[in-house]
Amino acid sequence: MTQEGLDKLKKDLSDAIAQRPVISAQIAEARDKGDLSENAEYEAAREAQGLLELKISKLQDLVANARVIDESQIGTDKVQMLNKVKVKNLNNGQVVEFTLVGESEADFSAGRLAATTPIGKALMGHSKGETVEAKVPSGIMRFEILDITL
């Protein structure tokens, strides 16, 4: 992943950890309202706490296992992580450009495609001018690689 992506994950983690006291206060407030067996507010707060802890655990795992890619080591002879790839969809003639990134940084609307997607996997390791096929749920998509840049 990029350094920018790692920084975003760390910020998301600190924001999630900052929510712990808020949810604890909600649980305490709901607990003060009486019978816990019929207290929907208490149950909702406990469920929110469980979801928050799950999110924190997942983010901690992502941060701990993240590998930041040195952008100076990236070439443009073959498609690899962090390359901006311009392709032509041979099924419909549409030309699209996107950057191959890690799953946690993917945002197709912003032109950031996860390298683990079928299209990302199909493009990895191929050169400009090559035609590749990606097996997607709707069938086989064929792409011609028009350009590879940083």
N, C-alpha and C. Protein backbone atom coordinates (compact mmCIF):
# COMPACT_ATOMS: atom_id res chain seq x y z
N MET A 1 0.83 -1.18 0.00
CA MET A 1 0.00 0.00 0.00
C MET A 1 0.88 1.24 0.00
N THR A 2 0.27 2.34 -0.32
CA THR A 2 1.01 3.60 -0.33
C THR A 2 1.13 4.13 1.09
N GLN A 3 2.05 5.05 1.29
CA GLN A 3 2.19 5.70 2.61
C GLN A 3 0.91 6.45 2.93
N GLU A 4 0.31 7.06 1.91
CA GLU A 4 -0.95 7.79 2.08
C GLU A 4 -2.06 6.85 2.58
N GLY A 5 -2.11 5.65 2.01
CA GLY A 5 -3.11 4.67 2.42
C GLY A 5 -2.90 4.22 3.86
N LEU A 6 -1.64 4.02 4.25
CA LEU A 6 -1.33 3.62 5.62
C LEU A 6 -1.69 4.73 6.60
N ASP A 7 -1.40 5.98 6.23
CA ASP A 7 -1.74 7.11 7.09
C ASP A 7 -3.26 7.20 7.29
N LYS A 8 -4.02 6.93 6.24
CA LYS A 8 -5.49 6.95 6.33
C LYS A 8 -5.98 5.84 7.26
N LEU A 9 -5.40 4.65 7.15
CA LEU A 9 -5.78 3.56 8.04
C LEU A 9 -5.49 3.91 9.50
N LYS A 10 -4.33 4.52 9.75
CA LYS A 10 -3.97 4.90 11.11
C LYS A 10 -4.94 5.95 11.67
N LYS A 11 -5.35 6.88 10.81
CA LYS A 11 -6.32 7.90 11.24
C LYS A 11 -7.67 7.25 11.55
N ASP A 12 -8.12 6.34 10.67
CA ASP A 12 -9.38 5.63 10.91
C ASP A 12 -9.32 4.86 12.23
N LEU A 13 -8.17 4.25 12.51
CA LEU A 13 -8.00 3.50 13.75
C LEU A 13 -8.08 4.43 14.96
N SER A 14 -7.39 5.56 14.91
CA SER A 14 -7.44 6.48 16.06
C SER A 14 -8.84 7.06 16.24
N ASP A 15 -9.55 7.32 15.13
CA ASP A 15 -10.93 7.81 15.24
C ASP A 15 -11.83 6.76 15.88
N ALA A 16 -11.64 5.49 15.51
CA ALA A 16 -12.45 4.41 16.08
C ALA A 16 -12.16 4.25 17.57
N ILE A 17 -10.90 4.32 17.94
CA ILE A 17 -10.53 4.19 19.35
C ILE A 17 -11.12 5.35 20.16
N ALA A 18 -11.18 6.53 19.54
CA ALA A 18 -11.76 7.70 20.22
C ALA A 18 -13.26 7.52 20.49
N GLN A 19 -13.91 6.61 19.77
CA GLN A 19 -15.34 6.36 19.97
C GLN A 19 -15.63 5.48 21.17
N ARG A 20 -14.63 4.79 21.68
CA ARG A 20 -14.83 3.88 22.83
C ARG A 20 -15.49 4.57 24.03
N PRO A 21 -14.97 5.72 24.47
CA PRO A 21 -15.60 6.37 25.63
C PRO A 21 -17.04 6.80 25.35
N VAL A 22 -17.34 7.20 24.14
CA VAL A 22 -18.69 7.61 23.78
C VAL A 22 -19.66 6.45 23.94
N ILE A 23 -19.28 5.29 23.42
CA ILE A 23 -20.15 4.12 23.50
C ILE A 23 -20.25 3.62 24.94
N SER A 24 -19.16 3.68 25.69
CA SER A 24 -19.20 3.29 27.10
C SER A 24 -20.17 4.18 27.87
N ALA A 25 -20.18 5.46 27.56
CA ALA A 25 -21.11 6.39 28.22
C ALA A 25 -22.55 6.05 27.85
N GLN A 26 -22.79 5.67 26.59
CA GLN A 26 -24.14 5.30 26.17
C GLN A 26 -24.60 4.04 26.91
N ILE A 27 -23.70 3.09 27.08
CA ILE A 27 -24.05 1.86 27.80
C ILE A 27 -24.37 2.19 29.26
N ALA A 28 -23.55 3.02 29.88
CA ALA A 28 -23.78 3.40 31.29
C ALA A 28 -25.11 4.13 31.44
N GLU A 29 -25.40 5.02 30.52
CA GLU A 29 -26.66 5.77 30.57
C GLU A 29 -27.86 4.84 30.42
N ALA A 30 -27.75 3.91 29.46
CA ALA A 30 -28.85 2.96 29.25
C ALA A 30 -29.00 2.03 30.45
N ARG A 31 -27.90 1.64 31.08
CA ARG A 31 -27.93 0.76 32.24
C ARG A 31 -28.64 1.43 33.41
N ASP A 32 -28.48 2.74 33.53
CA ASP A 32 -29.10 3.49 34.62
C ASP A 32 -30.62 3.59 34.47
N LYS A 33 -31.13 3.23 33.31
CA LYS A 33 -32.57 3.36 33.07
C LYS A 33 -33.36 2.17 33.56
N GLY A 34 -32.71 1.21 34.19
CA GLY A 34 -33.48 0.14 34.81
C GLY A 34 -33.24 -1.23 34.24
N ASP A 35 -34.29 -2.03 34.19
CA ASP A 35 -34.28 -3.44 33.81
C ASP A 35 -33.57 -3.66 32.47
N LEU A 36 -32.42 -4.36 32.51
CA LEU A 36 -31.63 -4.58 31.30
C LEU A 36 -32.24 -5.60 30.37
N SER A 37 -33.08 -6.49 30.90
CA SER A 37 -33.66 -7.55 30.06
C SER A 37 -34.64 -7.00 29.03
N GLU A 38 -35.22 -5.83 29.30
CA GLU A 38 -36.18 -5.24 28.36
C GLU A 38 -35.74 -3.86 27.91
N ASN A 39 -34.45 -3.59 27.96
CA ASN A 39 -33.93 -2.27 27.63
C ASN A 39 -33.30 -2.30 26.23
N ALA A 40 -34.06 -1.86 25.24
CA ALA A 40 -33.60 -1.87 23.84
C ALA A 40 -32.42 -0.92 23.64
N GLU A 41 -32.44 0.18 24.36
CA GLU A 41 -31.35 1.15 24.25
C GLU A 41 -30.02 0.54 24.71
N TYR A 42 -30.09 -0.23 25.79
CA TYR A 42 -28.90 -0.91 26.31
C TYR A 42 -28.39 -1.93 25.29
N GLU A 43 -29.30 -2.72 24.73
CA GLU A 43 -28.92 -3.73 23.73
C GLU A 43 -28.28 -3.08 22.51
N ALA A 44 -28.85 -1.96 22.05
CA ALA A 44 -28.31 -1.25 20.88
C ALA A 44 -26.90 -0.72 21.17
N ALA A 45 -26.71 -0.19 22.37
CA ALA A 45 -25.39 0.33 22.73
C ALA A 45 -24.37 -0.80 22.83
N ARG A 46 -24.78 -1.95 23.39
CA ARG A 46 -23.87 -3.10 23.47
C ARG A 46 -23.51 -3.61 22.08
N GLU A 47 -24.49 -3.63 21.18
CA GLU A 47 -24.23 -4.07 19.81
C GLU A 47 -23.28 -3.11 19.11
N ALA A 48 -23.49 -1.81 19.31
CA ALA A 48 -22.60 -0.80 18.72
C ALA A 48 -21.18 -0.97 19.25
N GLN A 49 -21.06 -1.30 20.55
CA GLN A 49 -19.75 -1.53 21.13
C GLN A 49 -19.07 -2.74 20.47
N GLY A 50 -19.82 -3.80 20.26
CA GLY A 50 -19.27 -4.99 19.62
C GLY A 50 -18.79 -4.71 18.20
N LEU A 51 -19.59 -3.95 17.46
CA LEU A 51 -19.20 -3.59 16.08
C LEU A 51 -17.97 -2.71 16.07
N LEU A 52 -17.91 -1.77 17.01
CA LEU A 52 -16.74 -0.88 17.09
C LEU A 52 -15.48 -1.68 17.42
N GLU A 53 -15.57 -2.60 18.36
CA GLU A 53 -14.40 -3.41 18.72
C GLU A 53 -13.95 -4.28 17.55
N LEU A 54 -14.91 -4.78 16.77
CA LEU A 54 -14.57 -5.57 15.58
C LEU A 54 -13.84 -4.70 14.56
N LYS A 55 -14.34 -3.48 14.36
CA LYS A 55 -13.70 -2.54 13.42
C LYS A 55 -12.29 -2.20 13.89
N ILE A 56 -12.13 -1.94 15.18
CA ILE A 56 -10.81 -1.61 15.73
C ILE A 56 -9.85 -2.78 15.53
N SER A 57 -10.31 -3.97 15.80
CA SER A 57 -9.48 -5.16 15.63
C SER A 57 -9.04 -5.33 14.17
N LYS A 58 -9.97 -5.13 13.26
CA LYS A 58 -9.65 -5.26 11.83
C LYS A 58 -8.64 -4.20 11.40
N LEU A 59 -8.85 -2.95 11.84
CA LEU A 59 -7.92 -1.87 11.47
C LEU A 59 -6.54 -2.10 12.08
N GLN A 60 -6.49 -2.58 13.32
CA GLN A 60 -5.19 -2.87 13.95
C GLN A 60 -4.45 -3.94 13.17
N ASP A 61 -5.18 -4.95 12.71
CA ASP A 61 -4.58 -6.02 11.92
C ASP A 61 -4.05 -5.48 10.58
N LEU A 62 -4.84 -4.63 9.93
CA LEU A 62 -4.41 -4.05 8.65
C LEU A 62 -3.15 -3.20 8.83
N VAL A 63 -3.12 -2.39 9.86
CA VAL A 63 -1.96 -1.53 10.11
C VAL A 63 -0.73 -2.37 10.44
N ALA A 64 -0.92 -3.39 11.26
CA ALA A 64 0.21 -4.24 11.67
C ALA A 64 0.80 -5.02 10.49
N ASN A 65 -0.03 -5.41 9.55
CA ASN A 65 0.43 -6.22 8.42
C ASN A 65 0.66 -5.43 7.14
N ALA A 66 0.54 -4.12 7.21
CA ALA A 66 0.70 -3.29 6.02
C ALA A 66 2.15 -3.26 5.55
N ARG A 67 2.31 -3.29 4.25
CA ARG A 67 3.64 -3.12 3.65
C ARG A 67 3.57 -1.90 2.74
N VAL A 68 4.37 -0.91 3.05
CA VAL A 68 4.40 0.31 2.25
C VAL A 68 5.34 0.08 1.08
N ILE A 69 4.86 0.35 -0.10
CA ILE A 69 5.64 0.16 -1.32
C ILE A 69 6.47 1.40 -1.59
N ASP A 70 7.75 1.20 -1.87
CA ASP A 70 8.66 2.29 -2.21
C ASP A 70 8.39 2.67 -3.66
N GLU A 71 7.77 3.83 -3.84
CA GLU A 71 7.36 4.26 -5.18
C GLU A 71 8.55 4.46 -6.12
N SER A 72 9.76 4.66 -5.58
CA SER A 72 10.93 4.86 -6.44
C SER A 72 11.36 3.55 -7.11
N GLN A 73 10.87 2.42 -6.60
CA GLN A 73 11.25 1.11 -7.14
C GLN A 73 10.25 0.59 -8.18
N ILE A 74 9.27 1.41 -8.52
CA ILE A 74 8.22 0.97 -9.44
C ILE A 74 8.59 1.35 -10.87
N GLY A 75 8.53 0.37 -11.75
CA GLY A 75 8.81 0.61 -13.16
C GLY A 75 7.51 0.66 -13.95
N THR A 76 7.65 0.93 -15.24
CA THR A 76 6.47 1.00 -16.10
C THR A 76 6.57 0.04 -17.28
N ASP A 77 7.51 -0.90 -17.21
CA ASP A 77 7.62 -1.86 -18.32
C ASP A 77 6.54 -2.93 -18.23
N LYS A 78 6.13 -3.29 -17.03
CA LYS A 78 5.05 -4.26 -16.81
C LYS A 78 4.12 -3.71 -15.74
N VAL A 79 2.86 -4.08 -15.80
CA VAL A 79 1.87 -3.61 -14.83
C VAL A 79 2.19 -4.18 -13.45
N GLN A 80 2.24 -3.28 -12.44
CA GLN A 80 2.45 -3.67 -11.06
C GLN A 80 1.72 -2.70 -10.14
N MET A 81 1.75 -3.00 -8.86
CA MET A 81 1.08 -2.15 -7.88
C MET A 81 1.51 -0.70 -8.05
N LEU A 82 0.57 0.20 -7.87
CA LEU A 82 0.72 1.65 -7.93
C LEU A 82 0.94 2.19 -9.33
N ASN A 83 0.90 1.34 -10.35
CA ASN A 83 0.96 1.84 -11.72
C ASN A 83 -0.40 2.40 -12.12
N LYS A 84 -0.37 3.46 -12.92
CA LYS A 84 -1.58 3.97 -13.53
C LYS A 84 -1.66 3.27 -14.89
N VAL A 85 -2.76 2.56 -15.12
CA VAL A 85 -2.90 1.75 -16.32
C VAL A 85 -4.06 2.27 -17.15
N LYS A 86 -3.80 2.49 -18.42
CA LYS A 86 -4.85 2.92 -19.36
C LYS A 86 -5.15 1.71 -20.24
N VAL A 87 -6.41 1.27 -20.22
CA VAL A 87 -6.80 0.09 -20.98
C VAL A 87 -8.01 0.39 -21.85
N LYS A 88 -8.13 -0.41 -22.90
CA LYS A 88 -9.30 -0.34 -23.76
C LYS A 88 -10.07 -1.64 -23.58
N ASN A 89 -11.33 -1.50 -23.19
CA ASN A 89 -12.20 -2.66 -23.06
C ASN A 89 -12.56 -3.10 -24.47
N LEU A 90 -12.10 -4.27 -24.88
CA LEU A 90 -12.33 -4.74 -26.25
C LEU A 90 -13.76 -5.24 -26.44
N ASN A 91 -14.50 -5.43 -25.35
CA ASN A 91 -15.90 -5.85 -25.48
C ASN A 91 -16.81 -4.70 -25.89
N ASN A 92 -16.50 -3.48 -25.39
CA ASN A 92 -17.37 -2.34 -25.71
C ASN A 92 -16.62 -1.13 -26.27
N GLY A 93 -15.31 -1.21 -26.37
CA GLY A 93 -14.51 -0.13 -26.94
C GLY A 93 -14.21 1.02 -25.99
N GLN A 94 -14.66 0.95 -24.76
CA GLN A 94 -14.46 2.01 -23.79
C GLN A 94 -13.02 2.02 -23.29
N VAL A 95 -12.45 3.23 -23.18
CA VAL A 95 -11.09 3.39 -22.65
C VAL A 95 -11.20 3.91 -21.22
N VAL A 96 -10.53 3.23 -20.29
CA VAL A 96 -10.54 3.65 -18.88
C VAL A 96 -9.11 3.67 -18.36
N GLU A 97 -8.91 4.48 -17.33
CA GLU A 97 -7.60 4.58 -16.70
C GLU A 97 -7.78 4.48 -15.19
N PHE A 98 -6.96 3.68 -14.55
CA PHE A 98 -7.03 3.53 -13.11
C PHE A 98 -5.66 3.18 -12.55
N THR A 99 -5.53 3.36 -11.25
CA THR A 99 -4.31 3.03 -10.52
C THR A 99 -4.56 1.74 -9.75
N LEU A 100 -3.62 0.80 -9.84
CA LEU A 100 -3.73 -0.45 -9.10
C LEU A 100 -3.21 -0.24 -7.68
N VAL A 101 -4.07 -0.52 -6.71
CA VAL A 101 -3.73 -0.30 -5.30
C VAL A 101 -4.11 -1.53 -4.47
N GLY A 102 -3.77 -1.50 -3.19
CA GLY A 102 -4.18 -2.56 -2.28
C GLY A 102 -5.67 -2.46 -1.99
N GLU A 103 -6.23 -3.55 -1.47
CA GLU A 103 -7.67 -3.61 -1.22
C GLU A 103 -8.18 -2.48 -0.34
N SER A 104 -7.45 -2.14 0.70
CA SER A 104 -7.92 -1.13 1.64
C SER A 104 -7.94 0.28 1.04
N GLU A 105 -7.25 0.48 -0.07
CA GLU A 105 -7.21 1.80 -0.71
C GLU A 105 -8.11 1.90 -1.92
N ALA A 106 -8.74 0.80 -2.30
CA ALA A 106 -9.54 0.77 -3.53
C ALA A 106 -10.74 1.71 -3.45
N ASP A 107 -10.97 2.43 -4.54
CA ASP A 107 -12.13 3.31 -4.69
C ASP A 107 -12.32 3.51 -6.18
N PHE A 108 -13.16 2.68 -6.78
CA PHE A 108 -13.29 2.68 -8.24
C PHE A 108 -13.74 4.03 -8.76
N SER A 109 -14.60 4.73 -8.00
CA SER A 109 -15.08 6.03 -8.47
C SER A 109 -13.95 7.06 -8.52
N ALA A 110 -12.89 6.83 -7.75
CA ALA A 110 -11.72 7.73 -7.76
C ALA A 110 -10.60 7.18 -8.65
N GLY A 111 -10.90 6.12 -9.40
CA GLY A 111 -9.91 5.56 -10.31
C GLY A 111 -8.87 4.70 -9.62
N ARG A 112 -9.21 4.13 -8.47
CA ARG A 112 -8.28 3.28 -7.72
C ARG A 112 -8.85 1.87 -7.66
N LEU A 113 -8.27 0.97 -8.43
CA LEU A 113 -8.74 -0.41 -8.54
C LEU A 113 -7.86 -1.34 -7.71
N ALA A 114 -8.49 -2.19 -6.92
CA ALA A 114 -7.73 -3.15 -6.11
C ALA A 114 -7.04 -4.16 -7.03
N ALA A 115 -5.78 -4.41 -6.76
CA ALA A 115 -5.01 -5.36 -7.56
C ALA A 115 -5.52 -6.79 -7.37
N THR A 116 -6.33 -7.01 -6.33
CA THR A 116 -6.85 -8.35 -6.06
C THR A 116 -8.15 -8.65 -6.81
N THR A 117 -8.69 -7.67 -7.53
CA THR A 117 -9.91 -7.90 -8.31
C THR A 117 -9.55 -8.74 -9.53
N PRO A 118 -10.53 -9.37 -10.15
CA PRO A 118 -10.23 -10.16 -11.36
C PRO A 118 -9.53 -9.34 -12.45
N ILE A 119 -9.95 -8.11 -12.64
CA ILE A 119 -9.31 -7.26 -13.67
C ILE A 119 -7.89 -6.92 -13.25
N GLY A 120 -7.70 -6.54 -11.99
CA GLY A 120 -6.36 -6.22 -11.48
C GLY A 120 -5.41 -7.40 -11.62
N LYS A 121 -5.89 -8.58 -11.23
CA LYS A 121 -5.06 -9.79 -11.33
C LYS A 121 -4.69 -10.08 -12.78
N ALA A 122 -5.64 -9.90 -13.69
CA ALA A 122 -5.39 -10.19 -15.10
C ALA A 122 -4.33 -9.26 -15.68
N LEU A 123 -4.33 -8.01 -15.24
CA LEU A 123 -3.39 -7.02 -15.80
C LEU A 123 -1.97 -7.15 -15.24
N MET A 124 -1.84 -7.61 -14.00
CA MET A 124 -0.53 -7.67 -13.34
C MET A 124 0.48 -8.46 -14.16
N GLY A 125 1.65 -7.86 -14.33
CA GLY A 125 2.74 -8.54 -15.02
C GLY A 125 2.72 -8.44 -16.53
N HIS A 126 1.70 -7.80 -17.09
CA HIS A 126 1.62 -7.68 -18.55
C HIS A 126 2.16 -6.32 -19.00
N SER A 127 2.52 -6.24 -20.29
CA SER A 127 3.15 -5.03 -20.84
C SER A 127 2.20 -4.26 -21.74
N LYS A 128 2.62 -3.04 -22.04
CA LYS A 128 1.89 -2.17 -22.97
C LYS A 128 1.72 -2.89 -24.31
N GLY A 129 0.51 -2.82 -24.87
CA GLY A 129 0.23 -3.44 -26.16
C GLY A 129 -0.33 -4.85 -26.05
N GLU A 130 -0.21 -5.48 -24.88
CA GLU A 130 -0.73 -6.84 -24.71
C GLU A 130 -2.24 -6.81 -24.50
N THR A 131 -2.86 -7.93 -24.86
CA THR A 131 -4.29 -8.12 -24.62
C THR A 131 -4.42 -9.15 -23.51
N VAL A 132 -5.26 -8.83 -22.51
CA VAL A 132 -5.46 -9.74 -21.39
C VAL A 132 -6.95 -10.03 -21.24
N GLU A 133 -7.24 -11.18 -20.64
CA GLU A 133 -8.62 -11.57 -20.38
C GLU A 133 -8.83 -11.67 -18.88
N ALA A 134 -9.94 -11.10 -18.42
CA ALA A 134 -10.30 -11.17 -17.00
C ALA A 134 -11.62 -11.90 -16.87
N LYS A 135 -11.63 -12.90 -16.02
CA LYS A 135 -12.85 -13.66 -15.76
C LYS A 135 -13.62 -12.95 -14.65
N VAL A 136 -14.73 -12.33 -15.02
CA VAL A 136 -15.56 -11.60 -14.07
C VAL A 136 -16.91 -12.31 -13.95
N PRO A 137 -17.71 -11.98 -12.94
CA PRO A 137 -19.00 -12.66 -12.77
C PRO A 137 -19.90 -12.63 -14.02
N SER A 138 -19.80 -11.56 -14.80
CA SER A 138 -20.66 -11.47 -15.99
C SER A 138 -20.07 -12.17 -17.21
N GLY A 139 -18.90 -12.78 -17.07
CA GLY A 139 -18.27 -13.48 -18.19
C GLY A 139 -16.80 -13.12 -18.33
N ILE A 140 -16.31 -13.14 -19.56
CA ILE A 140 -14.90 -12.82 -19.84
C ILE A 140 -14.82 -11.40 -20.41
N MET A 141 -13.95 -10.60 -19.82
CA MET A 141 -13.70 -9.25 -20.36
C MET A 141 -12.29 -9.24 -20.94
N ARG A 142 -12.16 -8.64 -22.11
CA ARG A 142 -10.85 -8.55 -22.76
C ARG A 142 -10.40 -7.07 -22.78
N PHE A 143 -9.14 -6.88 -22.42
CA PHE A 143 -8.58 -5.52 -22.37
C PHE A 143 -7.27 -5.47 -23.14
N GLU A 144 -7.07 -4.34 -23.81
CA GLU A 144 -5.77 -4.06 -24.42
C GLU A 144 -5.11 -2.99 -23.55
N ILE A 145 -3.87 -3.25 -23.15
CA ILE A 145 -3.14 -2.29 -22.32
C ILE A 145 -2.57 -1.21 -23.23
N LEU A 146 -3.07 0.02 -23.07
CA LEU A 146 -2.66 1.13 -23.91
C LEU A 146 -1.45 1.87 -23.35
N ASP A 147 -1.38 2.00 -22.01
CA ASP A 147 -0.28 2.76 -21.42
C ASP A 147 -0.10 2.36 -19.95
N ILE A 148 1.14 2.44 -19.49
CA ILE A 148 1.48 2.17 -18.09
C ILE A 148 2.35 3.33 -17.62
N THR A 149 1.87 4.05 -16.59
CA THR A 149 2.63 5.19 -16.07
C THR A 149 2.65 5.11 -14.54
N LEU A 150 3.35 6.08 -13.94
CA LEU A 150 3.39 6.15 -12.47
C LEU A 150 2.36 7.13 -11.97
